[in-house]
C-alpha atoms as a PDB file:
ATOM      1  CA  MET A   1      10.371  -0.120   9.498  1.00  0.00           C
ATOM      2  CA  VAL A   2      13.559   0.469   7.590  1.00  0.00           C
ATOM      3  CA  GLY A   3      14.091   3.878   6.124  1.00  0.00           C
ATOM      4  CA  CYS A   4      16.661   5.863   4.284  1.00  0.00           C
ATOM      5  CA  GLY A   5      17.052   9.559   3.930  1.00  0.00           C
ATOM      6  CA  TYR A   6      18.412  11.744   1.208  1.00  0.00           C
ATOM      7  CA  LEU A   7      18.583  15.430   0.423  1.00  0.00           C
ATOM      8  CA  THR A   8      16.847  17.292  -2.378  1.00  0.00           C
ATOM      9  CA  GLU A   9      16.646  20.948  -3.287  1.00  0.00           C
ATOM     10  CA  GLN A  10      13.241  22.559  -2.932  1.00  0.00           C
ATOM     11  CA  GLY A  11      12.723  26.250  -3.485  1.00  0.00           C
ATOM     12  CA  GLY A  12      16.360  27.166  -2.928  1.00  0.00           C
ATOM     13  CA  ARG A  13      16.601  25.123   0.279  1.00  0.00           C
ATOM     14  CA  VAL A  14      17.945  21.655   0.820  1.00  0.00           C
ATOM     15  CA  ALA A  15      15.145  19.443   2.101  1.00  0.00           C
ATOM     16  CA  ALA A  16      15.430  16.047   3.740  1.00  0.00           C
ATOM     17  CA  THR A  17      13.435  13.268   2.146  1.00  0.00           C
ATOM     18  CA  PHE A  18      12.779  10.065   4.019  1.00  0.00           C
ATOM     19  CA  ASP A  19      11.680   6.781   2.501  1.00  0.00           C
ATOM     20  CA  TYR A  20      10.320   4.446   5.173  1.00  0.00           C
ATOM     21  CA  GLY A  21       9.639   1.688   2.661  1.00  0.00           C
ATOM     22  CA  LYS A  22       6.167   2.798   1.631  1.00  0.00           C
ATOM     23  CA  GLN A  23       6.062   0.440  -1.361  1.00  0.00           C
ATOM     24  CA  SER A  24       7.105  -2.552   0.751  1.00  0.00           C
ATOM     25  CA  VAL A  25       4.505  -1.731   3.390  1.00  0.00           C
ATOM     26  CA  ALA A  26       1.833  -1.389   0.685  1.00  0.00           C
ATOM     27  CA  ALA A  27       2.843  -4.776  -0.786  1.00  0.00           C
ATOM     28  CA  PHE A  28       2.714  -6.352   2.692  1.00  0.00           C
ATOM     29  CA  ASN A  29      -0.737  -4.868   3.265  1.00  0.00           C
ATOM     30  CA  GLU A  30      -1.969  -6.044  -0.136  1.00  0.00           C
ATOM     31  CA  ALA A  31      -0.711  -9.591   0.505  1.00  0.00           C
ATOM     32  CA  ALA A  32      -2.532  -9.582   3.850  1.00  0.00           C
ATOM     33  CA  ARG A  33      -5.677  -8.225   2.181  1.00  0.00           C
ATOM     34  CA  ALA A  34      -5.517 -10.922  -0.520  1.00  0.00           C
ATOM     35  CA  GLY A  35      -5.031 -13.628   2.100  1.00  0.00           C
ATOM     36  CA  THR A  36      -1.664 -14.791   0.752  1.00  0.00           C
ATOM     37  CA  LEU A  37       0.044 -13.663   3.967  1.00  0.00           C
ATOM     38  CA  ARG A  38      -1.328 -14.773   7.305  1.00  0.00           C
ATOM     39  CA  TYR A  39      -0.191 -14.438  10.905  1.00  0.00           C
ATOM     40  CA  GLU A  40      -1.429 -16.131  14.043  1.00  0.00           C
ATOM     41  CA  GLN A  41      -3.946 -13.748  15.601  1.00  0.00           C
ATOM     42  CA  GLY A  42      -2.046 -13.255  18.875  1.00  0.00           C
ATOM     43  CA  ALA A  43       1.220 -12.452  17.103  1.00  0.00           C
ATOM     44  CA  ALA A  44      -0.549 -10.093  14.704  1.00  0.00           C
ATOM     45  CA  GLU A  45      -2.294  -8.369  17.599  1.00  0.00           C
ATOM     46  CA  GLN A  46       1.018  -7.908  19.444  1.00  0.00           C
ATOM     47  CA  ALA A  47       2.718  -6.494  16.340  1.00  0.00           C
ATOM     48  CA  GLY A  48      -0.254  -4.197  15.723  1.00  0.00           C
ATOM     49  CA  ARG A  49      -0.026  -2.940  19.309  1.00  0.00           C
ATOM     50  CA  MET A  50       3.709  -2.256  18.913  1.00  0.00           C
ATOM     51  CA  TYR A  51       3.125  -0.175  15.780  1.00  0.00           C
ATOM     52  CA  HIS A  52       0.214   1.607  17.473  1.00  0.00           C
ATOM     53  CA  ASP A  53       2.528   2.531  20.369  1.00  0.00           C
ATOM     54  CA  MET A  54       5.159   3.675  17.879  1.00  0.00           C
ATOM     55  CA  ALA A  55       2.634   5.937  16.145  1.00  0.00           C
ATOM     56  CA  ASP A  56       1.543   7.366  19.517  1.00  0.00           C
ATOM     57  CA  GLY A  57       5.148   8.179  20.444  1.00  0.00           C
ATOM     58  CA  LEU A  58       5.770   9.794  17.074  1.00  0.00           C
ATOM     59  CA  LEU A  59       2.573  11.851  17.442  1.00  0.00           C
ATOM     60  CA  GLU A  60       3.816  13.133  20.818  1.00  0.00           C
ATOM     61  CA  LEU A  61       7.143  14.081  19.266  1.00  0.00           C
ATOM     62  CA  ARG A  62       5.309  15.787  16.395  1.00  0.00           C
ATOM     63  CA  ALA A  63       3.287  17.881  18.861  1.00  0.00           C
ATOM     64  CA  LYS A  64       6.513  19.005  20.567  1.00  0.00           C
ATOM     65  CA  MET A  65       8.062  19.899  17.216  1.00  0.00           C
ATOM     66  CA  GLN A  66       5.046  22.059  16.354  1.00  0.00           C
ATOM     67  CA  GLN A  67       5.699  24.174  19.449  1.00  0.00           C
ATOM     68  CA  LEU A  68       9.351  24.908  18.646  1.00  0.00           C
ATOM     69  CA  PRO A  69       8.914  27.779  16.161  1.00  0.00           C
ATOM     70  CA  GLN A  70       6.646  29.593  18.635  1.00  0.00           C
ATOM     71  CA  SER A  71       9.300  29.548  21.371  1.00  0.00           C
ATOM     72  CA  ASP A  72      10.484  32.841  22.840  1.00  0.00           C
ATOM     73  CA  GLY A  73      14.045  33.760  23.655  1.00  0.00           C
ATOM     74  CA  TYR A  74      15.492  34.554  20.255  1.00  0.00           C
ATOM     75  CA  GLY A  75      15.805  38.247  21.032  1.00  0.00           C
ATOM     76  CA  GLY A  76      14.740  41.265  19.038  1.00  0.00           C
ATOM     77  CA  PHE A  77      17.722  41.419  16.708  1.00  0.00           C
ATOM     78  CA  GLU A  78      17.640  40.431  13.053  1.00  0.00           C
ATOM     79  CA  SER A  79      20.024  37.548  13.742  1.00  0.00           C
ATOM     80  CA  GLY A  80      17.604  36.209  16.363  1.00  0.00           C
ATOM     81  CA  ARG A  81      14.728  36.439  13.903  1.00  0.00           C
ATOM     82  CA  GLN A  82      16.775  34.588  11.281  1.00  0.00           C
ATOM     83  CA  LEU A  83      17.703  31.938  13.821  1.00  0.00           C
ATOM     84  CA  GLN A  84      14.040  31.483  14.737  1.00  0.00           C
ATOM     85  CA  GLN A  85      13.110  31.166  11.036  1.00  0.00           C
ATOM     86  CA  GLY A  86      15.849  28.588  10.509  1.00  0.00           C
ATOM     87  CA  PHE A  87      14.681  26.512  13.452  1.00  0.00           C
ATOM     88  CA  GLY A  88      11.109  26.886  12.246  1.00  0.00           C
ATOM     89  CA  TRP A  89      12.068  25.545   8.825  1.00  0.00           C
ATOM     90  CA  LYS A  90      13.934  22.609  10.392  1.00  0.00           C
ATOM     91  CA  ALA A  91      10.975  21.874  12.659  1.00  0.00           C
ATOM     92  CA  ALA A  92       8.654  21.882   9.635  1.00  0.00           C
ATOM     93  CA  GLU A  93      10.970  19.423   7.849  1.00  0.00           C
ATOM     94  CA  ALA A  94      11.071  17.196  10.932  1.00  0.00           C
ATOM     95  CA  ILE A  95       7.264  17.277  11.149  1.00  0.00           C
ATOM     96  CA  ARG A  96       7.016  16.279   7.495  1.00  0.00           C
ATOM     97  CA  ILE A  97       9.293  13.284   8.096  1.00  0.00           C
ATOM     98  CA  LEU A  98       7.455  12.381  11.310  1.00  0.00           C
ATOM     99  CA  ASP A  99       4.193  12.413   9.346  1.00  0.00           C
ATOM    100  CA  GLN A 100       5.645   9.850   6.953  1.00  0.00           C
ATOM    101  CA  LEU A 101       6.803   7.661   9.841  1.00  0.00           C
ATOM    102  CA  ILE A 102       3.415   7.923  11.553  1.00  0.00           C
ATOM    103  CA  GLU A 103       1.684   6.900   8.342  1.00  0.00           C
ATOM    104  CA  GLY A 104       4.096   3.980   7.992  1.00  0.00           C
ATOM    105  CA  ALA A 105       3.457   2.785  11.548  1.00  0.00           C
ATOM    106  CA  LEU A 106      -0.306   3.002  11.068  1.00  0.00           C
ATOM    107  CA  ARG A 107      -0.100   1.165   7.736  1.00  0.00           C
ATOM    108  CA  LEU A 108       2.006  -1.596   9.318  1.00  0.00           C
ATOM    109  CA  LYS A 109      -0.479  -1.874  12.169  1.00  0.00           C
ATOM    110  CA  GLU A 110      -3.208  -2.270   9.571  1.00  0.00           C
ATOM    111  CA  ALA A 111      -1.256  -4.920   7.647  1.00  0.00           C
ATOM    112  CA  TYR A 112      -0.484  -7.023  10.709  1.00  0.00           C
ATOM    113  CA  LEU A 113      -4.066  -6.870  11.942  1.00  0.00           C
ATOM    114  CA  ARG A 114      -5.328  -7.794   8.492  1.00  0.00           C
ATOM    115  CA  ALA A 115      -2.842 -10.697   8.275  1.00  0.00           C
ATOM    116  CA  GLY A 116      -4.159 -11.889  11.643  1.00  0.00           C
ATOM    117  CA  GLY A 117      -7.725 -11.934  10.349  1.00  0.00           C
ATOM    118  CA  MET A 118      -8.840  -8.891  12.370  1.00  0.00           C
ATOM    119  CA  VAL A 119     -10.458  -7.096   9.449  1.00  0.00           C
ATOM    120  CA  GLU A 120     -12.524  -4.582  11.454  1.00  0.00           C
ATOM    121  CA  ALA A 121      -9.502  -3.499  13.512  1.00  0.00           C
ATOM    122  CA  ALA A 122      -7.430  -3.276  10.308  1.00  0.00           C
ATOM    123  CA  ASP A 123     -10.098  -1.113   8.676  1.00  0.00           C
ATOM    124  CA  GLU A 124     -10.052   1.145  11.746  1.00  0.00           C
ATOM    125  CA  ALA A 125      -6.258   1.462  11.462  1.00  0.00           C
ATOM    126  CA  ASN A 126      -6.701   2.323   7.771  1.00  0.00           C
ATOM    127  CA  ARG A 127      -9.186   5.075   8.676  1.00  0.00           C
ATOM    128  CA  ALA A 128      -6.721   6.436  11.253  1.00  0.00           C
ATOM    129  CA  ALA A 129      -3.954   6.535   8.629  1.00  0.00           C
ATOM    130  CA  ILE A 130      -6.216   8.313   6.140  1.00  0.00           C
ATOM    131  CA  ALA A 131      -7.286  10.828   8.802  1.00  0.00           C
ATOM    132  CA  HIS A 132      -3.635  11.507   9.657  1.00  0.00           C
ATOM    133  CA  ILE A 133      -2.762  12.019   5.986  1.00  0.00           C
ATOM    134  CA  ASN A 134      -5.723  14.369   5.501  1.00  0.00           C
ATOM    135  CA  GLU A 135      -4.762  16.317   8.627  1.00  0.00           C
ATOM    136  CA  GLY A 136      -1.268  16.770   7.217  1.00  0.00           C
ATOM    137  CA  LEU A 137      -2.684  17.972   3.903  1.00  0.00           C
ATOM    138  CA  ASP A 138      -4.775  20.531   5.771  1.00  0.00           C
ATOM    139  CA  GLY A 139      -1.570  21.902   7.303  1.00  0.00           C
ATOM    140  CA  LYS A 140      -2.358  21.037  10.906  1.00  0.00           C
END
C-alpha cells in the first residue's frame, strides 16, 4: 500500500488527510472480480494473510490510540486540560487515518483472495471491511 498525506483545514483546525490509494485498490479488486487479473492460489493466499496481519496490527494500534485521551497525569491546571484536549484531537486524527489504512489492508486482502479464486474468503474479507467502516461511522 502506497499512501500520501496532506493537510486540510477543517473547522479551524488543520487536519491530516491520508490517501492510501483507494481508487487503485478498488480497480485491482474489480479486475480480480471480473477475472481479468488472476494469481496462483498459494501466492494469493500468502498475500491475503500478509494484509490480514497488517490489519490486525493496525487494529491493535488503533485500540491503543483510543486509550490516549483518557490517560491521567495532565494535572488540574487549565494548561494541562488544553494539553489533554490537544492530544485527544491528535489521537482522533490518528484513529481516522488508521481506519483508512485498516480498510485498505482489508480491501487488498479481499482483492488478492478474489484473484486467487477464493471467492468465499474474499467475500468474508469484504464483510469485514464493511463492518469496520460501519463501526467507524458509529463512532466506536
